[in-house]
């Protein structure tokens, strides 16, 4: 069965052999992608944007389709017309972006606050970007695990129950979670399992830390 590539409103994809590395994006491609995204984000048609920028509709169309190289003067006009710094037009021009692949069962076991309470943590990935830090964990609770509703940390946490049943507390509220249930909450509020109803319990925990957090 062939796989169809899906294209979003502001991105670009090209059909290619999955065994081949993705083609390197040229500077023209990067500018084209960002100009198109910024124009759509501003709710402008090509004609309206061209009028604001001070170039012809045909020229803007060529820029958005990587059919021309922009002069410094044109780049300055694009930035002014789209109301963004010129540097925004080069976003993601630095090439390869970070990704973390963790084969099933091969994530390292790490120690967290709940380790002493019998909580097992398998690190599925930790991604540090320019403006974010995302940490994904597979948490396992067994008969040896204790309830520990006193976790607190900066950022936002999302948990998705895979197996078992538990009551999970956050601030003053307790939620009954069964397989397939999810819960998203502010990590600053005290949280954790309050009752291990049906063991074993496994759930996915994804934490997005704020920019200023250093852990």
C-alpha atoms as a PDB file:
ATOM      1  CA  UNK A   1       0.000   0.000   0.000  1.00  0.00           C
ATOM      2  CA  UNK A   2       1.511   3.336  -1.047  1.00  0.00           C
ATOM      3  CA  UNK A   3       1.759   6.117   1.491  1.00  0.00           C
ATOM      4  CA  UNK A   4       0.440   9.508   0.451  1.00  0.00           C
ATOM      5  CA  UNK A   5       2.362  12.521   1.661  1.00  0.00           C
ATOM      6  CA  UNK A   6       0.186  15.100   3.376  1.00  0.00           C
ATOM      7  CA  UNK A   7       0.818  18.793   2.907  1.00  0.00           C
ATOM      8  CA  UNK A   8      -0.272  21.378   5.443  1.00  0.00           C
ATOM      9  CA  UNK A   9      -1.368  24.898   4.630  1.00  0.00           C
ATOM     10  CA  UNK A  10       2.045  26.498   5.064  1.00  0.00           C
ATOM     11  CA  UNK A  11       4.518  23.671   4.499  1.00  0.00           C
ATOM     12  CA  UNK A  12       5.837  21.826   1.500  1.00  0.00           C
ATOM     13  CA  UNK A  13       6.457  18.157   0.799  1.00  0.00           C
ATOM     14  CA  UNK A  14       7.768  16.323  -2.205  1.00  0.00           C
ATOM     15  CA  UNK A  15       7.390  12.659  -3.094  1.00  0.00           C
ATOM     16  CA  UNK A  16      10.656  10.783  -2.671  1.00  0.00           C
ATOM     17  CA  UNK A  17      11.992   7.298  -2.085  1.00  0.00           C
ATOM     18  CA  UNK A  18      11.903   6.742   1.718  1.00  0.00           C
ATOM     19  CA  UNK A  19      15.311   5.051   1.476  1.00  0.00           C
ATOM     20  CA  UNK A  20      16.846   8.252   0.121  1.00  0.00           C
ATOM     21  CA  UNK A  21      17.844  11.192   2.355  1.00  0.00           C
ATOM     22  CA  UNK A  22      15.660  14.284   2.039  1.00  0.00           C
ATOM     23  CA  UNK A  23      17.001  16.866  -0.417  1.00  0.00           C
ATOM     24  CA  UNK A  24      18.759  19.864   1.060  1.00  0.00           C
ATOM     25  CA  UNK A  25      16.620  22.971   1.092  1.00  0.00           C
ATOM     26  CA  UNK A  26      18.061  25.941  -0.795  1.00  0.00           C
ATOM     27  CA  UNK A  27      17.995  29.462   0.585  1.00  0.00           C
ATOM     28  CA  UNK A  28      15.358  30.310  -2.020  1.00  0.00           C
ATOM     29  CA  UNK A  29      13.214  27.397  -0.772  1.00  0.00           C
ATOM     30  CA  UNK A  30      13.537  28.603   2.831  1.00  0.00           C
ATOM     31  CA  UNK A  31      12.579  32.182   1.954  1.00  0.00           C
ATOM     32  CA  UNK A  32       9.684  30.939  -0.196  1.00  0.00           C
ATOM     33  CA  UNK A  33       8.328  28.774   2.631  1.00  0.00           C
ATOM     34  CA  UNK A  34       8.576  31.534   5.226  1.00  0.00           C
ATOM     35  CA  UNK A  35       7.143  34.286   3.014  1.00  0.00           C
ATOM     36  CA  UNK A  36       4.155  32.107   2.127  1.00  0.00           C
ATOM     37  CA  UNK A  37       3.601  31.143   5.773  1.00  0.00           C
ATOM     38  CA  UNK A  38       3.808  34.759   6.965  1.00  0.00           C
ATOM     39  CA  UNK A  39       1.453  35.960   4.232  1.00  0.00           C
ATOM     40  CA  UNK A  40      -1.136  33.298   5.050  1.00  0.00           C
ATOM     41  CA  UNK A  41      -0.738  33.980   8.771  1.00  0.00           C
ATOM     42  CA  UNK A  42      -1.511  37.649   8.085  1.00  0.00           C
ATOM     43  CA  UNK A  43      -4.624  36.642   6.120  1.00  0.00           C
ATOM     44  CA  UNK A  44      -3.396  38.306   2.916  1.00  0.00           C
ATOM     45  CA  UNK A  45      -3.913  37.246  -0.671  1.00  0.00           C
ATOM     46  CA  UNK A  46      -0.923  37.324  -3.012  1.00  0.00           C
ATOM     47  CA  UNK A  47      -2.246  40.523  -4.572  1.00  0.00           C
ATOM     48  CA  UNK A  48      -2.840  42.247  -1.223  1.00  0.00           C
ATOM     49  CA  UNK A  49       0.554  41.212   0.115  1.00  0.00           C
ATOM     50  CA  UNK A  50       2.331  42.361  -3.051  1.00  0.00           C
ATOM     51  CA  UNK A  51       0.648  45.745  -2.738  1.00  0.00           C
ATOM     52  CA  UNK A  52       1.749  46.109   0.899  1.00  0.00           C
ATOM     53  CA  UNK A  53       5.289  44.976   0.152  1.00  0.00           C
ATOM     54  CA  UNK A  54       5.626  47.214  -2.924  1.00  0.00           C
ATOM     55  CA  UNK A  55       6.412  44.570  -5.529  1.00  0.00           C
ATOM     56  CA  UNK A  56       4.394  43.073  -8.353  1.00  0.00           C
ATOM     57  CA  UNK A  57       2.067  40.133  -7.839  1.00  0.00           C
ATOM     58  CA  UNK A  58       4.112  38.182 -10.379  1.00  0.00           C
ATOM     59  CA  UNK A  59       7.339  38.823  -8.449  1.00  0.00           C
ATOM     60  CA  UNK A  60       5.792  37.720  -5.138  1.00  0.00           C
ATOM     61  CA  UNK A  61       4.482  34.577  -6.813  1.00  0.00           C
ATOM     62  CA  UNK A  62       7.992  33.813  -8.093  1.00  0.00           C
ATOM     63  CA  UNK A  63       9.432  34.337  -4.593  1.00  0.00           C
ATOM     64  CA  UNK A  64       6.855  32.003  -3.015  1.00  0.00           C
ATOM     65  CA  UNK A  65       7.636  29.334  -5.613  1.00  0.00           C
ATOM     66  CA  UNK A  66      11.439  29.544  -5.298  1.00  0.00           C
ATOM     67  CA  UNK A  67      11.755  30.828  -8.848  1.00  0.00           C
ATOM     68  CA  UNK A  68      13.933  33.834  -8.100  1.00  0.00           C
ATOM     69  CA  UNK A  69      16.645  35.036  -5.723  1.00  0.00           C
ATOM     70  CA  UNK A  70      15.802  38.080  -3.637  1.00  0.00           C
ATOM     71  CA  UNK A  71      18.023  41.129  -3.570  1.00  0.00           C
ATOM     72  CA  UNK A  72      18.784  42.801  -0.248  1.00  0.00           C
ATOM     73  CA  UNK A  73      16.360  45.575  -1.155  1.00  0.00           C
ATOM     74  CA  UNK A  74      13.592  43.053  -1.839  1.00  0.00           C
ATOM     75  CA  UNK A  75      14.287  41.226   1.420  1.00  0.00           C
ATOM     76  CA  UNK A  76      13.986  44.529   3.267  1.00  0.00           C
ATOM     77  CA  UNK A  77      10.665  45.244   1.543  1.00  0.00           C
ATOM     78  CA  UNK A  78       9.371  41.770   2.396  1.00  0.00           C
ATOM     79  CA  UNK A  79      10.220  42.243   6.069  1.00  0.00           C
ATOM     80  CA  UNK A  80       8.609  45.672   6.209  1.00  0.00           C
ATOM     81  CA  UNK A  81       5.518  44.657   4.253  1.00  0.00           C
ATOM     82  CA  UNK A  82       4.941  41.516   6.321  1.00  0.00           C
ATOM     83  CA  UNK A  83       5.777  43.387   9.551  1.00  0.00           C
ATOM     84  CA  UNK A  84       8.518  40.978  10.654  1.00  0.00           C
ATOM     85  CA  UNK A  85      12.293  41.190  11.124  1.00  0.00           C
ATOM     86  CA  UNK A  86      14.201  40.234   7.971  1.00  0.00           C
ATOM     87  CA  UNK A  87      15.734  37.365   9.945  1.00  0.00           C
ATOM     88  CA  UNK A  88      12.267  35.738  10.086  1.00  0.00           C
ATOM     89  CA  UNK A  89      12.551  35.107   6.357  1.00  0.00           C
ATOM     90  CA  UNK A  90      15.524  32.799   6.985  1.00  0.00           C
ATOM     91  CA  UNK A  91      13.948  30.742   9.765  1.00  0.00           C
ATOM     92  CA  UNK A  92      15.006  27.074   9.607  1.00  0.00           C
ATOM     93  CA  UNK A  93      17.721  27.829   7.050  1.00  0.00           C
ATOM     94  CA  UNK A  94      20.252  26.089   9.304  1.00  0.00           C
ATOM     95  CA  UNK A  95      19.353  22.694   7.823  1.00  0.00           C
ATOM     96  CA  UNK A  96      18.697  19.515   9.795  1.00  0.00           C
ATOM     97  CA  UNK A  97      16.378  19.752  12.784  1.00  0.00           C
ATOM     98  CA  UNK A  98      16.628  17.626  15.890  1.00  0.00           C
ATOM     99  CA  UNK A  99      14.628  14.421  16.296  1.00  0.00           C
ATOM    100  CA  UNK A 100      14.814  11.581  18.842  1.00  0.00           C
ATOM    101  CA  UNK A 101      13.996   7.973  17.903  1.00  0.00           C
ATOM    102  CA  UNK A 102      13.604   5.439  20.727  1.00  0.00           C
ATOM    103  CA  UNK A 103      12.943   1.806  19.675  1.00  0.00           C
ATOM    104  CA  UNK A 104      10.380  -0.060  21.787  1.00  0.00           C
ATOM    105  CA  UNK A 105      11.760  -1.116  25.152  1.00  0.00           C
ATOM    106  CA  UNK A 106      15.145   0.548  24.628  1.00  0.00           C
ATOM    107  CA  UNK A 107      14.577   3.836  26.445  1.00  0.00           C
ATOM    108  CA  UNK A 108      16.965   4.313  29.379  1.00  0.00           C
ATOM    109  CA  UNK A 109      15.583   3.970  32.914  1.00  0.00           C
ATOM    110  CA  UNK A 110      16.053   7.211  34.818  1.00  0.00           C
ATOM    111  CA  UNK A 111      15.682   8.333  38.407  1.00  0.00           C
ATOM    112  CA  UNK A 112      12.978  10.869  39.196  1.00  0.00           C
ATOM    113  CA  UNK A 113      11.282  12.066  42.378  1.00  0.00           C
ATOM    114  CA  UNK A 114       8.947   9.064  42.388  1.00  0.00           C
ATOM    115  CA  UNK A 115      11.664   6.421  41.946  1.00  0.00           C
ATOM    116  CA  UNK A 116      11.930   5.865  45.695  1.00  0.00           C
ATOM    117  CA  UNK A 117       8.172   5.271  45.763  1.00  0.00           C
ATOM    118  CA  UNK A 118       8.508   2.402  43.280  1.00  0.00           C
ATOM    119  CA  UNK A 119       7.672   4.342  40.122  1.00  0.00           C
ATOM    120  CA  UNK A 120       9.591   3.114  37.056  1.00  0.00           C
ATOM    121  CA  UNK A 121      10.502   5.743  34.450  1.00  0.00           C
ATOM    122  CA  UNK A 122      11.604   4.894  30.913  1.00  0.00           C
ATOM    123  CA  UNK A 123      12.835   7.943  29.007  1.00  0.00           C
ATOM    124  CA  UNK A 124      11.288   7.924  25.523  1.00  0.00           C
ATOM    125  CA  UNK A 125      12.888  11.157  24.396  1.00  0.00           C
ATOM    126  CA  UNK A 126      14.008  14.590  25.486  1.00  0.00           C
ATOM    127  CA  UNK A 127      14.020  17.341  22.878  1.00  0.00           C
ATOM    128  CA  UNK A 128      15.677  20.693  23.474  1.00  0.00           C
ATOM    129  CA  UNK A 129      14.806  23.330  20.919  1.00  0.00           C
ATOM    130  CA  UNK A 130      15.569  27.040  20.779  1.00  0.00           C
ATOM    131  CA  UNK A 131      12.379  27.893  22.636  1.00  0.00           C
ATOM    132  CA  UNK A 132      11.267  24.640  24.232  1.00  0.00           C
ATOM    133  CA  UNK A 133      12.214  21.502  26.114  1.00  0.00           C
ATOM    134  CA  UNK A 134      10.005  18.467  25.764  1.00  0.00           C
ATOM    135  CA  UNK A 135      10.450  15.314  27.850  1.00  0.00           C
ATOM    136  CA  UNK A 136       8.535  12.066  27.218  1.00  0.00           C
ATOM    137  CA  UNK A 137       8.369   9.248  29.784  1.00  0.00           C
ATOM    138  CA  UNK A 138       6.748   5.822  30.019  1.00  0.00           C
ATOM    139  CA  UNK A 139       5.760   5.421  33.678  1.00  0.00           C
ATOM    140  CA  UNK A 140       5.027   1.983  35.168  1.00  0.00           C
ATOM    141  CA  UNK A 141       3.374   1.418  38.553  1.00  0.00           C
ATOM    142  CA  UNK A 142       3.200  -2.036  40.164  1.00  0.00           C
ATOM    143  CA  UNK A 143       2.260  -3.564  43.523  1.00  0.00           C
ATOM    144  CA  UNK A 144       5.593  -2.230  44.829  1.00  0.00           C
ATOM    145  CA  UNK A 145       4.636   1.336  43.972  1.00  0.00           C
ATOM    146  CA  UNK A 146       3.278   3.839  46.450  1.00  0.00           C
ATOM    147  CA  UNK A 147       0.864   6.676  45.781  1.00  0.00           C
ATOM    148  CA  UNK A 148       2.749   9.927  45.682  1.00  0.00           C
ATOM    149  CA  UNK A 149       0.466  12.897  44.959  1.00  0.00           C
ATOM    150  CA  UNK A 150       3.100  15.553  45.660  1.00  0.00           C
ATOM    151  CA  UNK A 151       4.881  16.108  42.339  1.00  0.00           C
ATOM    152  CA  UNK A 152       5.402  19.711  41.281  1.00  0.00           C
ATOM    153  CA  UNK A 153       7.408  21.143  38.380  1.00  0.00           C
ATOM    154  CA  UNK A 154       7.345  24.102  35.980  1.00  0.00           C
ATOM    155  CA  UNK A 155       5.558  23.769  32.659  1.00  0.00           C
ATOM    156  CA  UNK A 156       2.641  21.730  31.371  1.00  0.00           C
ATOM    157  CA  UNK A 157       2.222  17.946  31.628  1.00  0.00           C
ATOM    158  CA  UNK A 158       0.117  15.599  29.507  1.00  0.00           C
ATOM    159  CA  UNK A 159      -0.531  12.012  30.594  1.00  0.00           C
ATOM    160  CA  UNK A 160      -2.258   9.251  28.632  1.00  0.00           C
ATOM    161  CA  UNK A 161      -3.189   6.005  30.374  1.00  0.00           C
ATOM    162  CA  UNK A 162      -2.195   2.855  28.474  1.00  0.00           C
ATOM    163  CA  UNK A 163      -2.938   0.092  30.990  1.00  0.00           C
ATOM    164  CA  UNK A 164      -4.572  -0.321  34.394  1.00  0.00           C
ATOM    165  CA  UNK A 165      -6.822   2.033  36.344  1.00  0.00           C
ATOM    166  CA  UNK A 166      -5.820   4.775  38.771  1.00  0.00           C
ATOM    167  CA  UNK A 167      -7.119   7.847  40.533  1.00  0.00           C
ATOM    168  CA  UNK A 168      -4.897  10.821  39.736  1.00  0.00           C
ATOM    169  CA  UNK A 169      -4.968  13.990  41.794  1.00  0.00           C
ATOM    170  CA  UNK A 170      -4.197  17.515  40.640  1.00  0.00           C
ATOM    171  CA  UNK A 171      -4.581  20.430  43.034  1.00  0.00           C
ATOM    172  CA  UNK A 172      -7.953  19.807  44.749  1.00  0.00           C
ATOM    173  CA  UNK A 173      -9.445  17.459  42.136  1.00  0.00           C
ATOM    174  CA  UNK A 174      -9.080  13.690  41.687  1.00  0.00           C
ATOM    175  CA  UNK A 175      -9.637  12.096  38.259  1.00  0.00           C
ATOM    176  CA  UNK A 176     -10.402   8.417  37.596  1.00  0.00           C
ATOM    177  CA  UNK A 177      -8.238   7.379  34.622  1.00  0.00           C
ATOM    178  CA  UNK A 178      -8.835   4.230  32.574  1.00  0.00           C
ATOM    179  CA  UNK A 179      -7.053   2.987  29.413  1.00  0.00           C
ATOM    180  CA  UNK A 180      -7.362   5.607  26.685  1.00  0.00           C
ATOM    181  CA  UNK A 181      -8.035   8.481  29.101  1.00  0.00           C
ATOM    182  CA  UNK A 182      -5.853  11.584  29.033  1.00  0.00           C
ATOM    183  CA  UNK A 183      -5.195  14.446  31.420  1.00  0.00           C
ATOM    184  CA  UNK A 184      -3.367  17.709  30.765  1.00  0.00           C
ATOM    185  CA  UNK A 185      -2.506  20.096  33.579  1.00  0.00           C
ATOM    186  CA  UNK A 186      -0.310  22.849  34.979  1.00  0.00           C
ATOM    187  CA  UNK A 187       2.730  21.166  36.523  1.00  0.00           C
ATOM    188  CA  UNK A 188       2.963  23.764  39.295  1.00  0.00           C
ATOM    189  CA  UNK A 189      -0.130  22.253  40.905  1.00  0.00           C
ATOM    190  CA  UNK A 190       0.592  19.315  43.255  1.00  0.00           C
ATOM    191  CA  UNK A 191      -0.188  16.134  41.352  1.00  0.00           C
ATOM    192  CA  UNK A 192       0.251  12.369  41.294  1.00  0.00           C
ATOM    193  CA  UNK A 193      -1.603   9.054  41.651  1.00  0.00           C
ATOM    194  CA  UNK A 194      -3.795   8.918  44.758  1.00  0.00           C
ATOM    195  CA  UNK A 195      -5.104   5.353  44.367  1.00  0.00           C
ATOM    196  CA  UNK A 196      -3.741   2.455  42.302  1.00  0.00           C
ATOM    197  CA  UNK A 197      -7.073   0.834  41.450  1.00  0.00           C
ATOM    198  CA  UNK A 198      -6.026  -1.829  38.932  1.00  0.00           C
ATOM    199  CA  UNK A 199      -2.397  -2.930  38.504  1.00  0.00           C
ATOM    200  CA  UNK A 200      -0.124  -2.887  36.635  1.00  0.00           C
ATOM    201  CA  UNK A 201      -0.500   0.705  35.504  1.00  0.00           C
ATOM    202  CA  UNK A 202       1.347   2.189  32.559  1.00  0.00           C
ATOM    203  CA  UNK A 203       0.960   5.713  31.271  1.00  0.00           C
ATOM    204  CA  UNK A 204       2.706   8.092  28.911  1.00  0.00           C
ATOM    205  CA  UNK A 205       3.845  11.380  30.449  1.00  0.00           C
ATOM    206  CA  UNK A 206       4.885  14.310  28.231  1.00  0.00           C
ATOM    207  CA  UNK A 207       6.185  17.441  29.932  1.00  0.00           C
ATOM    208  CA  UNK A 208       6.740  20.758  28.142  1.00  0.00           C
ATOM    209  CA  UNK A 209       9.025  22.926  30.251  1.00  0.00           C
ATOM    210  CA  UNK A 210       9.057  26.736  29.920  1.00  0.00           C
ATOM    211  CA  UNK A 211      11.938  28.532  28.201  1.00  0.00           C
ATOM    212  CA  UNK A 212      13.649  29.653  31.390  1.00  0.00           C
ATOM    213  CA  UNK A 213      13.675  26.217  33.067  1.00  0.00           C
ATOM    214  CA  UNK A 214      17.037  24.590  33.653  1.00  0.00           C
ATOM    215  CA  UNK A 215      16.879  21.043  34.916  1.00  0.00           C
END
